[in-house]
C-alpha atoms as a PDB file:
ATOM      1  CA  MET A   1      82.049  70.952 127.482  1.00  0.00           C
ATOM      2  CA  PHE A   2      84.280  74.449 126.960  1.00  0.00           C
ATOM      3  CA  LYS A   3      84.281  72.569 123.445  1.00  0.00           C
ATOM      4  CA  PRO A   4      81.040  73.128 122.305  1.00  0.00           C
ATOM      5  CA  ILE A   5      81.061  76.728 124.329  1.00  0.00           C
ATOM      6  CA  LYS A   6      83.659  77.785 122.095  1.00  0.00           C
ATOM      7  CA  ILE A   7      82.358  77.081 119.304  1.00  0.00           C
ATOM      8  CA  LEU A   8      78.850  78.647 120.315  1.00  0.00           C
ATOM      9  CA  PHE A   9      81.070  81.910 120.572  1.00  0.00           C
ATOM     10  CA  ILE A  10      83.402  81.892 118.072  1.00  0.00           C
ATOM     11  CA  SER A  11      80.088  80.913 115.607  1.00  0.00           C
ATOM     12  CA  ILE A  12      78.469  83.925 116.818  1.00  0.00           C
ATOM     13  CA  TRP A  13      81.602  86.364 116.670  1.00  0.00           C
ATOM     14  CA  ASN A  14      81.475  85.230 112.974  1.00  0.00           C
ATOM     15  CA  VAL A  15      77.766  86.400 112.106  1.00  0.00           C
ATOM     16  CA  TRP A  16      79.210  89.530 114.062  1.00  0.00           C
ATOM     17  CA  PHE A  17      81.380  90.667 111.589  1.00  0.00           C
ATOM     18  CA  TYR A  18      78.689  90.130 108.572  1.00  0.00           C
ATOM     19  CA  ILE A  19      76.361  92.289 110.850  1.00  0.00           C
ATOM     20  CA  LEU A  20      79.063  95.079 111.389  1.00  0.00           C
ATOM     21  CA  SER A  21      79.356  95.200 107.709  1.00  0.00           C
ATOM     22  CA  PHE A  22      76.741  95.911 106.320  1.00  0.00           C
ATOM     23  CA  VAL A  23      75.785  97.948 109.031  1.00  0.00           C
ATOM     24  CA  GLY A  24      79.002  99.926 108.305  1.00  0.00           C
ATOM     25  CA  ILE A  25      78.051 100.022 104.542  1.00  0.00           C
ATOM     26  CA  VAL A  26      74.189 100.939 105.973  1.00  0.00           C
ATOM     27  CA  ILE A  27      75.781 103.984 107.487  1.00  0.00           C
ATOM     28  CA  CYS A  28      78.377 105.262 104.848  1.00  0.00           C
ATOM     29  CA  LEU A  29      75.929 104.080 102.042  1.00  0.00           C
ATOM     30  CA  PRO A  30      74.996 107.572 101.393  1.00  0.00           C
ATOM     31  CA  PHE A  31      78.267 109.345 101.474  1.00  0.00           C
ATOM     32  CA  PHE A  32      79.829 106.319  99.087  1.00  0.00           C
ATOM     33  CA  LEU A  33      76.795 106.911  96.978  1.00  0.00           C
ATOM     34  CA  VAL A  34      77.780 110.168  95.870  1.00  0.00           C
ATOM     35  CA  LEU A  35      81.344 109.915  96.303  1.00  0.00           C
ATOM     36  CA  SER A  36      81.322 107.212  93.874  1.00  0.00           C
ATOM     37  CA  ILE A  37      79.852 109.001  90.785  1.00  0.00           C
ATOM     38  CA  LYS A  38      82.907 110.869  89.707  1.00  0.00           C
ATOM     39  CA  GLU A  39      86.493 109.178  90.013  1.00  0.00           C
ATOM     40  CA  SER A  40      87.514 112.605  91.155  1.00  0.00           C
ATOM     41  CA  TYR A  41      85.641 111.603  94.397  1.00  0.00           C
ATOM     42  CA  TYR A  42      87.295 108.344  94.810  1.00  0.00           C
ATOM     43  CA  PRO A  43      90.032 110.044  97.675  1.00  0.00           C
ATOM     44  CA  TYR A  44      87.067 110.822  99.609  1.00  0.00           C
ATOM     45  CA  PHE A  45      85.241 108.557  98.870  1.00  0.00           C
ATOM     46  CA  TYR A  46      88.165 106.583 100.020  1.00  0.00           C
ATOM     47  CA  TRP A  47      88.466 108.476 103.443  1.00  0.00           C
ATOM     48  CA  PHE A  48      85.062 107.210 104.667  1.00  0.00           C
ATOM     49  CA  ALA A  49      85.984 103.660 103.611  1.00  0.00           C
ATOM     50  CA  ARG A  50      88.652 103.613 105.720  1.00  0.00           C
ATOM     51  CA  ASN A  51      88.384 105.376 108.495  1.00  0.00           C
ATOM     52  CA  ILE A  52      84.693 105.318 109.220  1.00  0.00           C
ATOM     53  CA  TRP A  53      83.170 101.965 107.453  1.00  0.00           C
ATOM     54  CA  SER A  54      86.463  99.986 107.499  1.00  0.00           C
ATOM     55  CA  ASN A  55      87.023 100.972 111.568  1.00  0.00           C
ATOM     56  CA  ILE A  56      83.514 100.231 112.511  1.00  0.00           C
ATOM     57  CA  ILE A  57      84.768  96.204 112.002  1.00  0.00           C
ATOM     58  CA  MET A  58      88.068  95.896 113.075  1.00  0.00           C
ATOM     59  CA  TYR A  59      87.759  97.517 116.232  1.00  0.00           C
ATOM     60  CA  GLY A  60      84.204  96.074 115.951  1.00  0.00           C
ATOM     61  CA  MET A  61      85.672  92.708 116.009  1.00  0.00           C
ATOM     62  CA  GLY A  62      87.893  93.357 118.892  1.00  0.00           C
ATOM     63  CA  PHE A  63      90.634  93.931 116.622  1.00  0.00           C
ATOM     64  CA  TYR A  64      93.628  96.755 115.945  1.00  0.00           C
ATOM     65  CA  PRO A  65      96.246  96.802 114.559  1.00  0.00           C
ATOM     66  CA  LYS A  66     100.290  97.195 115.106  1.00  0.00           C
ATOM     67  CA  LEU A  67     101.914  97.839 112.204  1.00  0.00           C
ATOM     68  CA  LYS A  68     105.772  98.294 112.197  1.00  0.00           C
ATOM     69  CA  MET A  69     107.520 100.345 109.360  1.00  0.00           C
ATOM     70  CA  LYS A  70     110.388 100.262 107.823  1.00  0.00           C
ATOM     71  CA  GLU A  71     109.739 103.814 105.862  1.00  0.00           C
ATOM     72  CA  PRO A  72     106.965 105.972 105.377  1.00  0.00           C
ATOM     73  CA  LEU A  73     104.233 105.907 102.321  1.00  0.00           C
ATOM     74  CA  ILE A  74     104.932 109.727 101.037  1.00  0.00           C
ATOM     75  CA  LYS A  75     101.496 111.537 100.187  1.00  0.00           C
ATOM     76  CA  GLY A  76     101.027 111.759  96.205  1.00  0.00           C
ATOM     77  CA  LYS A  77     103.404 109.386  95.752  1.00  0.00           C
ATOM     78  CA  SER A  78     102.115 106.135  94.344  1.00  0.00           C
ATOM     79  CA  TYR A  79     102.968 102.516  94.759  1.00  0.00           C
ATOM     80  CA  MET A  80     102.125  98.981  94.224  1.00  0.00           C
ATOM     81  CA  LEU A  81     100.890  97.441  97.914  1.00  0.00           C
ATOM     82  CA  VAL A  82     101.201  93.821  97.837  1.00  0.00           C
ATOM     83  CA  ALA A  83     100.854  91.430 100.641  1.00  0.00           C
ATOM     84  CA  ASN A  84      99.685  87.928 102.572  1.00  0.00           C
ATOM     85  CA  HIS A  85      95.422  87.488 101.463  1.00  0.00           C
ATOM     86  CA  LYS A  86      94.257  84.685 104.064  1.00  0.00           C
ATOM     87  CA  SER A  87      91.960  86.887 105.775  1.00  0.00           C
ATOM     88  CA  MET A  88      88.917  88.884 105.110  1.00  0.00           C
ATOM     89  CA  ILE A  89      89.984  91.484 107.960  1.00  0.00           C
ATOM     90  CA  ASP A  90      93.281  91.476 105.602  1.00  0.00           C
ATOM     91  CA  ILE A  91      90.835  94.305 103.625  1.00  0.00           C
ATOM     92  CA  MET A  92      90.305  96.060 107.227  1.00  0.00           C
ATOM     93  CA  LEU A  93      94.894  95.833 107.732  1.00  0.00           C
ATOM     94  CA  MET A  94      95.399  96.960 104.751  1.00  0.00           C
ATOM     95  CA  LEU A  95      93.228 100.300 104.839  1.00  0.00           C
ATOM     96  CA  SER A  96      94.730 100.376 108.165  1.00  0.00           C
ATOM     97  CA  VAL A  97      98.659 100.637 106.634  1.00  0.00           C
ATOM     98  CA  ALA A  98      97.654 102.514 103.542  1.00  0.00           C
ATOM     99  CA  LYS A  99      96.519 106.000 105.015  1.00  0.00           C
ATOM    100  CA  TYR A 100      96.635 107.247 101.374  1.00  0.00           C
ATOM    101  CA  PRO A 101      93.939 107.038  98.477  1.00  0.00           C
ATOM    102  CA  THR A 102      94.837 104.037  97.011  1.00  0.00           C
ATOM    103  CA  VAL A 103      92.539 101.844  94.687  1.00  0.00           C
ATOM    104  CA  PHE A 104      91.787  97.978  95.012  1.00  0.00           C
ATOM    105  CA  VAL A 105      92.563  95.334  92.308  1.00  0.00           C
ATOM    106  CA  GLY A 106      90.109  92.039  92.882  1.00  0.00           C
ATOM    107  CA  LYS A 107      88.412  89.450  91.421  1.00  0.00           C
ATOM    108  CA  LYS A 108      85.258  89.908  89.606  1.00  0.00           C
ATOM    109  CA  GLU A 109      83.381  87.866  91.940  1.00  0.00           C
ATOM    110  CA  LEU A 110      83.315  90.264  94.311  1.00  0.00           C
ATOM    111  CA  GLU A 111      80.714  91.888  92.477  1.00  0.00           C
ATOM    112  CA  LYS A 112      78.283  89.387  93.518  1.00  0.00           C
ATOM    113  CA  ILE A 113      77.828  90.246  96.981  1.00  0.00           C
ATOM    114  CA  PRO A 114      75.257  92.198  97.351  1.00  0.00           C
ATOM    115  CA  ILE A 115      75.644  95.555  98.355  1.00  0.00           C
ATOM    116  CA  PHE A 116      79.450  95.803  98.403  1.00  0.00           C
ATOM    117  CA  GLY A 117      79.519  94.037  95.039  1.00  0.00           C
ATOM    118  CA  TYR A 118      77.793  96.947  94.001  1.00  0.00           C
ATOM    119  CA  LEU A 119      79.702  99.297  95.547  1.00  0.00           C
ATOM    120  CA  TYR A 120      82.789  97.953  95.079  1.00  0.00           C
ATOM    121  CA  ARG A 121      82.797  97.619  91.441  1.00  0.00           C
ATOM    122  CA  ARG A 122      81.480 101.364  91.001  1.00  0.00           C
ATOM    123  CA  VAL A 123      85.267 102.559  92.458  1.00  0.00           C
ATOM    124  CA  ALA A 124      87.591  99.571  92.927  1.00  0.00           C
ATOM    125  CA  ILE A 125      89.582  97.501  89.440  1.00  0.00           C
ATOM    126  CA  LEU A 126      87.931  94.139  88.594  1.00  0.00           C
ATOM    127  CA  VAL A 127      89.168  91.546  87.291  1.00  0.00           C
ATOM    128  CA  ASP A 128      88.496  88.879  85.253  1.00  0.00           C
ATOM    129  CA  ARG A 129      91.643  86.596  85.069  1.00  0.00           C
ATOM    130  CA  SER A 130      90.347  83.535  82.342  1.00  0.00           C
ATOM    131  CA  SER A 131      90.121  86.635  80.370  1.00  0.00           C
ATOM    132  CA  PRO A 132      93.062  88.677  78.259  1.00  0.00           C
ATOM    133  CA  GLU A 133      90.639  90.996  77.679  1.00  0.00           C
ATOM    134  CA  SER A 134      89.682  91.549  81.104  1.00  0.00           C
ATOM    135  CA  ARG A 135      93.491  91.924  81.992  1.00  0.00           C
ATOM    136  CA  LYS A 136      93.900  94.872  79.398  1.00  0.00           C
ATOM    137  CA  ARG A 137      91.524  96.828  81.019  1.00  0.00           C
ATOM    138  CA  VAL A 138      93.282  96.414  84.501  1.00  0.00           C
ATOM    139  CA  TYR A 139      96.650  97.884  82.757  1.00  0.00           C
ATOM    140  CA  GLU A 140      94.277 100.351  81.797  1.00  0.00           C
ATOM    141  CA  LYS A 141      92.216 101.876  84.315  1.00  0.00           C
ATOM    142  CA  SER A 142      95.525 101.406  86.598  1.00  0.00           C
ATOM    143  CA  LYS A 143      97.169 104.321  84.570  1.00  0.00           C
ATOM    144  CA  LYS A 144      94.260 106.313  84.793  1.00  0.00           C
ATOM    145  CA  ARG A 145      94.417 106.058  88.936  1.00  0.00           C
ATOM    146  CA  LEU A 146      98.230 106.215  88.481  1.00  0.00           C
ATOM    147  CA  ASP A 147      98.223 109.066  86.494  1.00  0.00           C
ATOM    148  CA  LYS A 148      96.018 111.124  89.629  1.00  0.00           C
ATOM    149  CA  GLY A 149      98.315 110.151  92.465  1.00  0.00           C
ATOM    150  CA  LEU A 150      96.982 107.265  93.793  1.00  0.00           C
ATOM    151  CA  SER A 151      98.479 104.100  94.808  1.00  0.00           C
ATOM    152  CA  VAL A 152      97.097 100.700  93.896  1.00  0.00           C
ATOM    153  CA  CYS A 153      97.179  97.238  95.764  1.00  0.00           C
ATOM    154  CA  ILE A 154      96.736  92.844  94.144  1.00  0.00           C
ATOM    155  CA  PHE A 155      96.850  90.610  96.629  1.00  0.00           C
ATOM    156  CA  PRO A 156      99.078  88.355  94.831  1.00  0.00           C
ATOM    157  CA  GLU A 157      98.777  85.029  95.427  1.00  0.00           C
ATOM    158  CA  GLY A 158      95.679  85.500  93.114  1.00  0.00           C
ATOM    159  CA  GLY A 159      93.504  84.063  96.055  1.00  0.00           C
ATOM    160  CA  VAL A 160      92.915  82.459  99.190  1.00  0.00           C
ATOM    161  CA  PRO A 161      95.187  79.804  99.621  1.00  0.00           C
ATOM    162  CA  ASP A 162      94.383  76.589 101.870  1.00  0.00           C
ATOM    163  CA  PRO A 163      95.147  76.662 105.192  1.00  0.00           C
ATOM    164  CA  SER A 164      98.355  74.607 104.857  1.00  0.00           C
ATOM    165  CA  VAL A 165      99.852  76.966 102.816  1.00  0.00           C
ATOM    166  CA  ILE A 166     102.312  79.230 104.149  1.00  0.00           C
ATOM    167  CA  LEU A 167     102.832  81.235 101.154  1.00  0.00           C
ATOM    168  CA  ASP A 168     100.670  80.488  97.732  1.00  0.00           C
ATOM    169  CA  PRO A 169     102.929  81.701  94.465  1.00  0.00           C
ATOM    170  CA  PHE A 170     102.332  84.684  92.750  1.00  0.00           C
ATOM    171  CA  LYS A 171     100.746  85.940  89.785  1.00  0.00           C
ATOM    172  CA  ASN A 172     102.814  88.042  87.815  1.00  0.00           C
ATOM    173  CA  GLY A 173     100.008  91.267  87.745  1.00  0.00           C
ATOM    174  CA  ALA A 174     101.036  93.063  90.447  1.00  0.00           C
ATOM    175  CA  PHE A 175     104.910  93.223  89.592  1.00  0.00           C
ATOM    176  CA  SER A 176     104.453  93.922  86.202  1.00  0.00           C
ATOM    177  CA  LEU A 177     102.045  96.622  86.561  1.00  0.00           C
ATOM    178  CA  ALA A 178     105.049  98.104  89.299  1.00  0.00           C
ATOM    179  CA  VAL A 179     108.069  97.666  86.192  1.00  0.00           C
ATOM    180  CA  GLU A 180     105.451  99.184  83.611  1.00  0.00           C
ATOM    181  CA  PHE A 181     104.899 101.958  85.571  1.00  0.00           C
ATOM    182  CA  GLN A 182     108.003 102.263  87.730  1.00  0.00           C
ATOM    183  CA  ILE A 183     106.801 102.505  90.742  1.00  0.00           C
ATOM    184  CA  PRO A 184     108.029 101.128  94.366  1.00  0.00           C
ATOM    185  CA  ILE A 185     106.163  98.161  95.155  1.00  0.00           C
ATOM    186  CA  VAL A 186     105.748  98.158  98.762  1.00  0.00           C
ATOM    187  CA  PRO A 187     106.030  94.400 100.557  1.00  0.00           C
ATOM    188  CA  MET A 188     103.702  93.776 103.389  1.00  0.00           C
ATOM    189  CA  THR A 189     103.271  90.726 105.845  1.00  0.00           C
ATOM    190  CA  PHE A 190     100.214  90.270 107.621  1.00  0.00           C
ATOM    191  CA  LEU A 191     101.479  87.988 110.376  1.00  0.00           C
ATOM    192  CA  ASP A 192      98.192  87.384 112.265  1.00  0.00           C
ATOM    193  CA  CYS A 193      94.838  87.617 110.256  1.00  0.00           C
ATOM    194  CA  GLU A 194      94.870  84.102 109.393  1.00  0.00           C
ATOM    195  CA  LYS A 195      94.760  82.414 112.922  1.00  0.00           C
ATOM    196  CA  LYS A 196      92.953  85.534 114.110  1.00  0.00           C
ATOM    197  CA  PHE A 197      90.027  85.367 111.937  1.00  0.00           C
ATOM    198  CA  PRO A 198      90.681  82.488 108.595  1.00  0.00           C
ATOM    199  CA  TYR A 199      88.262  82.052 105.814  1.00  0.00           C
ATOM    200  CA  PHE A 200      88.675  78.772 106.903  1.00  0.00           C
ATOM    201  CA  PHE A 201      87.161  78.326 109.189  1.00  0.00           C
ATOM    202  CA  ALA A 202      85.473  74.401 109.008  1.00  0.00           C
ATOM    203  CA  TYR A 203      89.487  74.039 108.130  1.00  0.00           C
ATOM    204  CA  ASN A 204      90.208  75.060 112.117  1.00  0.00           C
ATOM    205  CA  HIS A 205      87.370  74.075 114.138  1.00  0.00           C
ATOM    206  CA  PHE A 206      86.380  77.388 114.829  1.00  0.00           C
ATOM    207  CA  VAL A 207      88.958  79.067 116.271  1.00  0.00           C
ATOM    208  CA  GLY A 208      90.134  83.445 115.603  1.00  0.00           C
ATOM    209  CA  SER A 209      90.348  85.768 118.251  1.00  0.00           C
ATOM    210  CA  PRO A 210      89.919  89.496 119.179  1.00  0.00           C
ATOM    211  CA  GLY A 211      93.100  91.045 119.253  1.00  0.00           C
ATOM    212  CA  ALA A 212      96.318  92.877 117.553  1.00  0.00           C
ATOM    213  CA  LEU A 213      96.753  92.412 113.990  1.00  0.00           C
ATOM    214  CA  ARG A 214      99.989  92.643 113.610  1.00  0.00           C
ATOM    215  CA  ALA A 215     101.546  94.298 109.874  1.00  0.00           C
ATOM    216  CA  ASN A 216     105.413  94.365 109.318  1.00  0.00           C
ATOM    217  CA  VAL A 217     105.331  97.076 106.296  1.00  0.00           C
ATOM    218  CA  HIS A 218     109.043  95.772 104.781  1.00  0.00           C
ATOM    219  CA  ASN A 219     111.664  98.050 102.929  1.00  0.00           C
ATOM    220  CA  PHE A 220     110.650  99.181  99.070  1.00  0.00           C
ATOM    221  CA  ILE A 221     111.688  98.177  96.268  1.00  0.00           C
ATOM    222  CA  GLU A 222     112.586 100.605  93.590  1.00  0.00           C
ATOM    223  CA  THR A 223     111.111  99.383  89.967  1.00  0.00           C
ATOM    224  CA  LYS A 224     112.918 102.270  88.202  1.00  0.00           C
ATOM    225  CA  GLY A 225     115.261 100.570  85.192  1.00  0.00           C
ATOM    226  CA  LEU A 226     113.569  97.714  85.419  1.00  0.00           C
ATOM    227  CA  THR A 227     111.988  95.361  82.202  1.00  0.00           C
ATOM    228  CA  LYS A 228     109.655  93.021  82.315  1.00  0.00           C
ATOM    229  CA  LYS A 229     112.437  90.420  81.684  1.00  0.00           C
ATOM    230  CA  ASP A 230     112.762  91.777  85.004  1.00  0.00           C
ATOM    231  CA  VAL A 231     109.708  90.673  86.666  1.00  0.00           C
ATOM    232  CA  PRO A 232     109.921  86.899  87.226  1.00  0.00           C
ATOM    233  CA  ALA A 233     113.228  87.686  89.705  1.00  0.00           C
ATOM    234  CA  LEU A 234     111.448  90.997  91.120  1.00  0.00           C
ATOM    235  CA  LYS A 235     108.158  88.448  91.772  1.00  0.00           C
ATOM    236  CA  GLN A 236     110.222  85.878  93.692  1.00  0.00           C
ATOM    237  CA  LYS A 237     112.004  88.794  95.839  1.00  0.00           C
ATOM    238  CA  VAL A 238     109.040  90.135  97.013  1.00  0.00           C
ATOM    239  CA  PHE A 239     107.607  86.490  97.446  1.00  0.00           C
ATOM    240  CA  ASP A 240     111.242  85.215  99.127  1.00  0.00           C
ATOM    241  CA  ILE A 241     110.730  88.303 101.874  1.00  0.00           C
ATOM    242  CA  ILE A 242     107.172  88.208 102.521  1.00  0.00           C
ATOM    243  CA  TYR A 243     107.045  83.739 103.111  1.00  0.00           C
ATOM    244  CA  ASN A 244     110.739  84.093 105.328  1.00  0.00           C
ATOM    245  CA  ASP A 245     108.685  86.693 107.167  1.00  0.00           C
ATOM    246  CA  LEU A 246     105.617  84.445 107.808  1.00  0.00           C
ATOM    247  CA  LYS A 247     107.637  81.545 108.326  1.00  0.00           C
ATOM    248  CA  ALA A 248     109.582  82.905 111.161  1.00  0.00           C
ATOM    249  CA  ASP A 249     107.515  84.013 113.300  1.00  0.00           C
ATOM    250  CA  ILE A 250     105.678  80.315 112.597  1.00  0.00           C
ATOM    251  CA  ASN A 251     108.927  79.023 113.578  1.00  0.00           C
ATOM    252  CA  GLN A 252     109.216  82.115 116.702  1.00  0.00           C
ATOM    253  CA  ARG A 253     105.307  80.819 118.071  1.00  0.00           C
ATOM    254  CA  ASN A 254     106.375  76.644 117.838  1.00  0.00           C
END
């Protein structure tokens, strides 16, 4: 008897996420439209996305961020932010961590989402990974944003892995850009997003619950003096940091 009731409540809660997302966009839409006209307005756009839209969803779902940072982000300094990615709530948690304006690099497919996709296309950097020309434009657009003192966020797995996978191998993009622009990499582990609000409800028989979303922000990794030949080792180093943190948390819970 309890299982059908649980499935019903979690189903309603899942739909509630999309309602909150839509309501948040509607509330912020006039500001988003105006503030997406010029790139110079982006810090104000980011403020609304982080402090209003994201918080409507996060706290409306019963989540709250619990951040553990080894060192602080410095205002006006550019970083490459990277984290594991298995939940739609990852975006909101990343916004909680990144208190200063950060530009997301994401899949081109996201622009198909009604309303959100239109805004995302105007302010984010979209990439078609099957197109070398698209990847080249990511570099050019990232340079423009970094020159303005903004940071860049990339989820380096390049997609959402199967629930059985702890962490998918990383793509080169985030690390190549960090080396190219000589900016620090900020590795993060999102420990709770998957089990609290997973992408794959069908795989997990409708699991999930409100509560704390822990983010471990590890020591920054400097890239000054590194070259393209260092990218594979850099990528593996960041992968190991996040993977080991995820694995240790799994072992502790078990």
